[in-house]
C-alpha atoms as a PDB file:
ATOM      1  CA  MET A   1     -18.596-106.861 -56.031  1.00  0.00           C
ATOM      2  CA  GLN A   2     -17.851-110.548 -56.418  1.00  0.00           C
ATOM      3  CA  SER A   3     -14.424-112.089 -56.410  1.00  0.00           C
ATOM      4  CA  ASP A   4     -12.777-113.601 -59.467  1.00  0.00           C
ATOM      5  CA  ASP A   5     -13.070-117.033 -57.790  1.00  0.00           C
ATOM      6  CA  PHE A   6     -16.823-116.574 -57.517  1.00  0.00           C
ATOM      7  CA  GLU A   7     -17.159-115.487 -61.149  1.00  0.00           C
ATOM      8  CA  LYS A   8     -15.099-118.478 -62.321  1.00  0.00           C
ATOM      9  CA  ALA A   9     -17.143-120.905 -60.207  1.00  0.00           C
ATOM     10  CA  TYR A  10     -20.406-119.373 -61.410  1.00  0.00           C
ATOM     11  CA  GLY A  11     -19.286-119.548 -65.036  1.00  0.00           C
ATOM     12  CA  ASP A  12     -18.340-123.206 -64.594  1.00  0.00           C
ATOM     13  CA  PHE A  13     -21.728-123.860 -62.980  1.00  0.00           C
ATOM     14  CA  ILE A  14     -23.797-122.360 -65.799  1.00  0.00           C
ATOM     15  CA  ASP A  15     -21.699-124.095 -68.446  1.00  0.00           C
ATOM     16  CA  ARG A  16     -22.741-127.534 -67.165  1.00  0.00           C
ATOM     17  CA  PRO A  17     -25.335-129.584 -69.067  1.00  0.00           C
ATOM     18  CA  GLU A  18     -27.357-129.940 -65.841  1.00  0.00           C
ATOM     19  CA  TYR A  19     -27.841-126.174 -65.814  1.00  0.00           C
ATOM     20  CA  ASP A  20     -29.149-126.230 -69.389  1.00  0.00           C
ATOM     21  CA  GLU A  21     -31.559-129.020 -68.452  1.00  0.00           C
ATOM     22  CA  ALA A  22     -32.810-127.138 -65.377  1.00  0.00           C
ATOM     23  CA  GLN A  23     -33.208-123.946 -67.419  1.00  0.00           C
ATOM     24  CA  GLY A  24     -35.263-125.841 -69.996  1.00  0.00           C
ATOM     25  CA  ASP A  25     -37.419-127.349 -67.247  1.00  0.00           C
ATOM     26  CA  LEU A  26     -38.029-123.920 -65.729  1.00  0.00           C
ATOM     27  CA  PHE A  27     -39.038-122.550 -69.142  1.00  0.00           C
ATOM     28  CA  ARG A  28     -41.527-125.396 -69.585  1.00  0.00           C
ATOM     29  CA  ILE A  29     -42.993-124.818 -66.093  1.00  0.00           C
ATOM     30  CA  VAL A  30     -43.510-121.117 -66.791  1.00  0.00           C
ATOM     31  CA  ARG A  31     -45.040-121.861 -70.207  1.00  0.00           C
ATOM     32  CA  ILE A  32     -47.423-124.469 -68.789  1.00  0.00           C
ATOM     33  CA  SER A  33     -48.472-122.031 -66.035  1.00  0.00           C
ATOM     34  CA  PHE A  34     -49.011-119.218 -68.526  1.00  0.00           C
ATOM     35  CA  LYS A  35     -51.042-121.505 -70.785  1.00  0.00           C
ATOM     36  CA  ALA A  36     -53.260-122.575 -67.874  1.00  0.00           C
ATOM     37  CA  GLY A  37     -53.930-118.945 -66.952  1.00  0.00           C
ATOM     38  CA  TRP A  38     -54.502-118.036 -70.583  1.00  0.00           C
ATOM     39  CA  GLU A  39     -57.052-120.813 -71.054  1.00  0.00           C
ATOM     40  CA  SER A  40     -58.844-120.080 -67.758  1.00  0.00           C
ATOM     41  CA  ALA A  41     -59.193-116.445 -68.862  1.00  0.00           C
ATOM     42  CA  GLY A  42     -60.861-117.482 -72.086  1.00  0.00           C
ATOM     43  CA  GLY A  43     -57.803-117.410 -74.297  1.00  0.00           C
ATOM     44  CA  ASN A  44     -57.940-113.691 -75.044  1.00  0.00           C
ATOM     45  CA  PRO A  45     -54.875-111.558 -74.458  1.00  0.00           C
ATOM     46  CA  PRO A  46     -55.164-108.692 -71.999  1.00  0.00           C
ATOM     47  CA  PRO A  47     -55.511-105.239 -73.533  1.00  0.00           C
ATOM     48  CA  SER A  48     -52.209-103.637 -74.419  1.00  0.00           C
ATOM     49  CA  GLN A  49     -51.086-100.923 -72.034  1.00  0.00           C
ATOM     50  CA  PRO A  50     -48.079 -98.647 -72.254  1.00  0.00           C
ATOM     51  CA  VAL A  51     -45.295 -99.447 -69.850  1.00  0.00           C
ATOM     52  CA  VAL A  52     -44.183 -95.828 -69.608  1.00  0.00           C
ATOM     53  CA  ARG A  53     -46.090 -92.675 -70.421  1.00  0.00           C
ATOM     54  CA  LEU A  54     -44.156 -89.495 -71.087  1.00  0.00           C
ATOM     55  CA  LEU A  55     -45.799 -86.251 -70.078  1.00  0.00           C
ATOM     56  CA  PRO A  56     -44.931 -82.854 -71.489  1.00  0.00           C
ATOM     57  CA  LYS A  57     -43.047 -80.516 -69.191  1.00  0.00           C
ATOM     58  CA  GLU A  58     -45.364 -77.969 -67.619  1.00  0.00           C
ATOM     59  CA  PRO A  59     -44.453 -74.333 -68.214  1.00  0.00           C
ATOM     60  CA  THR A  60     -42.959 -72.612 -65.193  1.00  0.00           C
END
């Protein structure tokens, strides 16, 4: 568990305009990378797959 001093310092850090700018830059980098992969794959989305599949309980 983090101390109150840490939480205060972290809150002050993410409230700075420089953090917002860096977050925006990171978003743009990820988007550009995704777009490059998308275009190199022909621009078609991958087939949808379930994240979780629930199975019925087997009788005992």
